[in-house]
């Protein structure tokens, strides 16, 4: 019952129509680049769980800022304990 979306670069190629076709997304995986495109996707999809993965240049600081993940520890794995967050959004930042 959890709908996941794994989006790859380039993120700015997603039109409003394409994003609308995704519908409700519970878990969203994004490369940590292009803060402007990520902000649009987050506003439209409002996932409960967001995974940021490094691109070839790592994760952009601006992306961390808009996702509320500045200073968040980078992890190599994540285990969901229980259910997805009911309110708000949990952000998981993966490291290299």
N, C-alpha and C. Protein backbone atom coordinates (compact mmCIF):
# COMPACT_ATOMS: atom_id res chain seq x y z
N UNK A 1 0.78 -1.21 0.00
CA UNK A 1 0.00 0.00 0.00
C UNK A 1 0.82 1.27 0.00
N UNK A 2 2.13 1.18 -0.21
CA UNK A 2 2.97 2.37 -0.23
C UNK A 2 3.37 2.64 -1.68
N UNK A 3 3.04 3.82 -2.17
CA UNK A 3 3.39 4.19 -3.54
C UNK A 3 4.73 4.90 -3.54
N UNK A 4 5.67 4.38 -4.32
CA UNK A 4 7.03 4.91 -4.39
C UNK A 4 7.30 5.50 -5.77
N UNK A 5 8.13 6.54 -5.80
CA UNK A 5 8.59 7.12 -7.06
C UNK A 5 10.09 7.33 -6.97
N UNK A 6 10.80 6.84 -7.97
CA UNK A 6 12.24 6.97 -8.06
C UNK A 6 12.54 7.83 -9.29
N UNK A 7 12.89 9.08 -9.07
CA UNK A 7 13.11 10.00 -10.19
C UNK A 7 14.61 10.20 -10.39
N UNK A 8 15.01 10.27 -11.65
CA UNK A 8 16.42 10.45 -11.97
C UNK A 8 16.64 11.78 -12.67
N UNK A 9 17.90 12.11 -12.87
CA UNK A 9 18.27 13.36 -13.54
C UNK A 9 17.91 13.27 -15.01
N UNK A 10 17.59 14.35 -15.65
CA UNK A 10 17.43 15.70 -15.11
C UNK A 10 16.02 15.91 -14.54
N UNK A 11 15.96 16.48 -13.38
CA UNK A 11 14.68 16.70 -12.70
C UNK A 11 13.86 17.81 -13.33
N UNK A 12 14.52 18.75 -13.99
CA UNK A 12 13.78 19.87 -14.58
C UNK A 12 12.98 19.46 -15.81
N UNK A 13 13.11 18.21 -16.22
CA UNK A 13 12.36 17.72 -17.37
C UNK A 13 10.94 17.28 -17.03
N UNK A 14 10.54 17.35 -15.76
CA UNK A 14 9.21 16.90 -15.34
C UNK A 14 8.20 18.03 -15.53
N UNK A 15 7.26 17.81 -16.43
CA UNK A 15 6.20 18.81 -16.66
C UNK A 15 5.15 18.67 -15.56
N UNK A 16 4.29 19.67 -15.43
CA UNK A 16 3.20 19.63 -14.45
C UNK A 16 2.27 18.45 -14.72
N UNK A 17 2.05 18.16 -16.00
CA UNK A 17 1.17 17.05 -16.38
C UNK A 17 1.78 15.71 -15.96
N UNK A 18 3.08 15.56 -16.17
CA UNK A 18 3.76 14.32 -15.81
C UNK A 18 3.75 14.12 -14.30
N UNK A 19 3.96 15.17 -13.55
CA UNK A 19 3.92 15.10 -12.09
C UNK A 19 2.51 14.74 -11.63
N UNK A 20 1.50 15.33 -12.24
CA UNK A 20 0.11 15.03 -11.89
C UNK A 20 -0.22 13.56 -12.15
N UNK A 21 0.36 12.98 -13.17
CA UNK A 21 0.11 11.57 -13.48
C UNK A 21 0.67 10.64 -12.41
N UNK A 22 1.68 11.09 -11.68
CA UNK A 22 2.22 10.28 -10.59
C UNK A 22 1.18 10.07 -9.49
N UNK A 23 0.33 11.06 -9.30
CA UNK A 23 -0.69 10.96 -8.26
C UNK A 23 -0.08 11.08 -6.88
N UNK A 24 -0.65 10.38 -5.92
CA UNK A 24 -0.16 10.41 -4.55
C UNK A 24 1.09 9.56 -4.44
N UNK A 25 2.15 10.14 -3.88
CA UNK A 25 3.41 9.43 -3.69
C UNK A 25 3.74 9.46 -2.20
N UNK A 26 3.95 8.28 -1.63
CA UNK A 26 4.29 8.19 -0.21
C UNK A 26 5.78 8.29 0.03
N UNK A 27 6.57 7.64 -0.82
CA UNK A 27 8.02 7.61 -0.69
C UNK A 27 8.62 8.12 -1.99
N UNK A 28 9.44 9.16 -1.90
CA UNK A 28 10.03 9.79 -3.08
C UNK A 28 11.55 9.72 -2.96
N UNK A 29 12.20 9.21 -4.01
CA UNK A 29 13.66 9.13 -4.06
C UNK A 29 14.14 10.09 -5.15
N UNK A 30 15.02 11.03 -4.75
CA UNK A 30 15.50 12.05 -5.68
C UNK A 30 17.01 12.20 -5.60
N UNK A 31 17.65 12.54 -6.74
CA UNK A 31 19.06 12.90 -6.68
C UNK A 31 19.17 14.28 -6.02
N UNK A 32 20.24 14.49 -5.27
CA UNK A 32 20.40 15.74 -4.51
C UNK A 32 20.92 16.89 -5.34
N UNK A 33 20.22 17.22 -6.40
CA UNK A 33 20.62 18.31 -7.29
C UNK A 33 19.39 19.08 -7.74
N UNK A 34 19.60 20.28 -8.22
CA UNK A 34 18.54 21.10 -8.80
C UNK A 34 17.45 21.44 -7.77
N UNK A 35 17.82 22.30 -6.84
CA UNK A 35 16.92 22.69 -5.74
C UNK A 35 15.58 23.23 -6.24
N UNK A 36 15.61 24.00 -7.30
CA UNK A 36 14.37 24.59 -7.82
C UNK A 36 13.38 23.51 -8.28
N UNK A 37 13.89 22.52 -9.00
CA UNK A 37 13.03 21.43 -9.49
C UNK A 37 12.54 20.57 -8.31
N UNK A 38 13.41 20.34 -7.34
CA UNK A 38 13.01 19.54 -6.17
C UNK A 38 11.92 20.25 -5.40
N UNK A 39 12.02 21.56 -5.24
CA UNK A 39 10.98 22.31 -4.53
C UNK A 39 9.63 22.16 -5.23
N UNK A 40 9.62 22.24 -6.56
CA UNK A 40 8.37 22.07 -7.31
C UNK A 40 7.80 20.66 -7.11
N UNK A 41 8.66 19.65 -7.15
CA UNK A 41 8.21 18.27 -6.96
C UNK A 41 7.66 18.04 -5.55
N UNK A 42 8.35 18.57 -4.56
CA UNK A 42 7.89 18.42 -3.18
C UNK A 42 6.55 19.11 -2.96
N UNK A 43 6.40 20.29 -3.51
CA UNK A 43 5.13 21.02 -3.38
C UNK A 43 3.98 20.24 -4.03
N UNK A 44 4.25 19.64 -5.16
CA UNK A 44 3.20 18.93 -5.90
C UNK A 44 2.89 17.55 -5.30
N UNK A 45 3.92 16.82 -4.86
CA UNK A 45 3.73 15.43 -4.44
C UNK A 45 3.56 15.26 -2.93
N UNK A 46 4.17 16.12 -2.14
CA UNK A 46 4.10 16.10 -0.69
C UNK A 46 4.26 14.68 -0.11
N UNK A 47 5.43 14.05 -0.36
CA UNK A 47 5.64 12.69 0.14
C UNK A 47 5.83 12.65 1.65
N UNK A 48 5.49 11.55 2.27
CA UNK A 48 5.71 11.36 3.72
C UNK A 48 7.16 11.03 4.02
N UNK A 49 7.85 10.41 3.06
CA UNK A 49 9.23 9.99 3.23
C UNK A 49 10.01 10.40 1.99
N UNK A 50 11.10 11.13 2.20
CA UNK A 50 11.94 11.62 1.10
C UNK A 50 13.34 11.07 1.26
N UNK A 51 13.84 10.40 0.23
CA UNK A 51 15.22 9.93 0.21
C UNK A 51 15.99 10.79 -0.77
N UNK A 52 17.08 11.39 -0.29
CA UNK A 52 17.99 12.15 -1.16
C UNK A 52 19.23 11.31 -1.38
N UNK A 53 19.57 11.10 -2.64
CA UNK A 53 20.77 10.33 -2.96
C UNK A 53 21.76 11.25 -3.66
N UNK A 54 23.06 11.02 -3.44
CA UNK A 54 24.05 11.90 -4.06
C UNK A 54 24.11 11.71 -5.57
N UNK A 55 24.29 12.81 -6.27
CA UNK A 55 24.55 12.74 -7.71
C UNK A 55 26.07 12.67 -7.87
N UNK A 56 26.55 12.80 -9.07
CA UNK A 56 28.01 12.73 -9.30
C UNK A 56 28.77 13.80 -8.54
N UNK A 57 28.09 14.92 -8.23
CA UNK A 57 28.72 16.01 -7.49
C UNK A 57 28.32 16.03 -6.02
N UNK A 58 27.72 14.97 -5.52
CA UNK A 58 27.27 14.93 -4.13
C UNK A 58 25.84 15.47 -4.02
N UNK A 59 25.54 16.04 -2.85
CA UNK A 59 24.21 16.62 -2.63
C UNK A 59 24.38 18.12 -2.44
N UNK A 60 23.68 18.89 -3.24
CA UNK A 60 23.74 20.35 -3.22
C UNK A 60 23.24 20.88 -1.88
N UNK A 61 23.98 21.82 -1.30
CA UNK A 61 23.60 22.42 -0.01
C UNK A 61 22.22 23.07 -0.07
N UNK A 62 21.89 23.67 -1.20
CA UNK A 62 20.58 24.32 -1.35
C UNK A 62 19.46 23.29 -1.27
N UNK A 63 19.70 22.11 -1.81
CA UNK A 63 18.72 21.03 -1.73
C UNK A 63 18.50 20.65 -0.27
N UNK A 64 19.58 20.48 0.47
CA UNK A 64 19.46 20.15 1.90
C UNK A 64 18.68 21.22 2.63
N UNK A 65 18.92 22.47 2.29
CA UNK A 65 18.23 23.59 2.94
C UNK A 65 16.72 23.55 2.70
N UNK A 66 16.30 23.40 1.44
CA UNK A 66 14.87 23.44 1.15
C UNK A 66 14.14 22.20 1.68
N UNK A 67 14.90 21.11 1.88
CA UNK A 67 14.29 19.87 2.39
C UNK A 67 14.32 19.81 3.92
N UNK A 68 14.92 20.81 4.55
CA UNK A 68 15.02 20.80 6.01
C UNK A 68 16.00 19.75 6.51
N UNK A 69 17.03 19.48 5.73
CA UNK A 69 17.97 18.43 6.09
C UNK A 69 19.39 18.95 6.32
N UNK A 70 19.54 20.25 6.51
CA UNK A 70 20.86 20.80 6.79
C UNK A 70 21.38 20.21 8.09
N UNK A 71 22.62 19.75 8.07
CA UNK A 71 23.22 19.19 9.27
C UNK A 71 22.76 17.78 9.59
N UNK A 72 21.89 17.23 8.78
CA UNK A 72 21.39 15.86 9.02
C UNK A 72 22.48 14.87 8.66
N UNK A 73 22.62 13.86 9.48
CA UNK A 73 23.63 12.84 9.24
C UNK A 73 23.33 12.06 7.96
N UNK A 74 24.38 11.83 7.18
CA UNK A 74 24.24 11.03 5.96
C UNK A 74 24.36 9.57 6.35
N UNK A 75 23.49 8.74 5.79
CA UNK A 75 23.46 7.33 6.15
C UNK A 75 23.73 6.46 4.92
N UNK A 76 24.05 5.20 5.17
CA UNK A 76 24.28 4.27 4.06
C UNK A 76 23.10 3.31 3.90
N UNK A 77 22.24 3.26 4.92
CA UNK A 77 21.03 2.44 4.82
C UNK A 77 19.95 3.02 5.71
N UNK A 78 18.71 2.61 5.44
CA UNK A 78 17.57 3.09 6.22
C UNK A 78 16.59 1.94 6.40
N UNK A 79 16.15 1.76 7.62
CA UNK A 79 15.14 0.73 7.91
C UNK A 79 13.92 1.43 8.49
N UNK A 80 12.81 1.23 7.86
CA UNK A 80 11.55 1.81 8.32
C UNK A 80 11.01 0.95 9.45
N UNK A 81 10.81 1.57 10.58
CA UNK A 81 10.27 0.86 11.73
C UNK A 81 8.84 1.33 11.93
N UNK A 82 7.90 0.45 11.71
CA UNK A 82 6.50 0.83 11.83
C UNK A 82 5.98 1.38 10.52
N UNK A 83 5.10 2.35 10.63
CA UNK A 83 4.44 2.92 9.46
C UNK A 83 5.12 4.22 9.01
N UNK A 84 4.69 4.69 7.86
CA UNK A 84 5.15 5.99 7.37
C UNK A 84 4.69 7.09 8.31
N UNK A 85 5.41 8.22 8.33
CA UNK A 85 4.94 9.33 9.16
C UNK A 85 3.53 9.75 8.76
N UNK A 86 2.67 9.98 9.75
CA UNK A 86 1.29 10.38 9.49
C UNK A 86 1.25 11.86 9.13
N UNK A 87 2.04 12.65 9.83
CA UNK A 87 2.11 14.09 9.58
C UNK A 87 3.56 14.46 9.28
N UNK A 88 3.73 15.51 8.52
CA UNK A 88 5.07 15.98 8.22
C UNK A 88 5.77 15.06 7.23
N UNK A 89 7.08 15.23 7.17
CA UNK A 89 7.87 14.47 6.21
C UNK A 89 9.19 14.09 6.86
N UNK A 90 9.58 12.85 6.71
CA UNK A 90 10.89 12.41 7.17
C UNK A 90 11.83 12.45 5.98
N UNK A 91 12.99 13.07 6.18
CA UNK A 91 13.99 13.18 5.12
C UNK A 91 15.19 12.32 5.50
N UNK A 92 15.59 11.45 4.57
CA UNK A 92 16.76 10.59 4.76
C UNK A 92 17.78 10.98 3.70
N UNK A 93 19.01 11.28 4.16
CA UNK A 93 20.07 11.71 3.26
C UNK A 93 21.10 10.59 3.17
N UNK A 94 21.25 10.06 1.99
CA UNK A 94 22.23 9.00 1.78
C UNK A 94 23.58 9.60 1.41
N UNK A 95 24.64 9.00 1.90
CA UNK A 95 25.99 9.44 1.58
C UNK A 95 26.63 8.52 0.57
N UNK A 96 27.82 8.91 0.15
CA UNK A 96 28.52 8.09 -0.83
C UNK A 96 29.30 6.98 -0.17
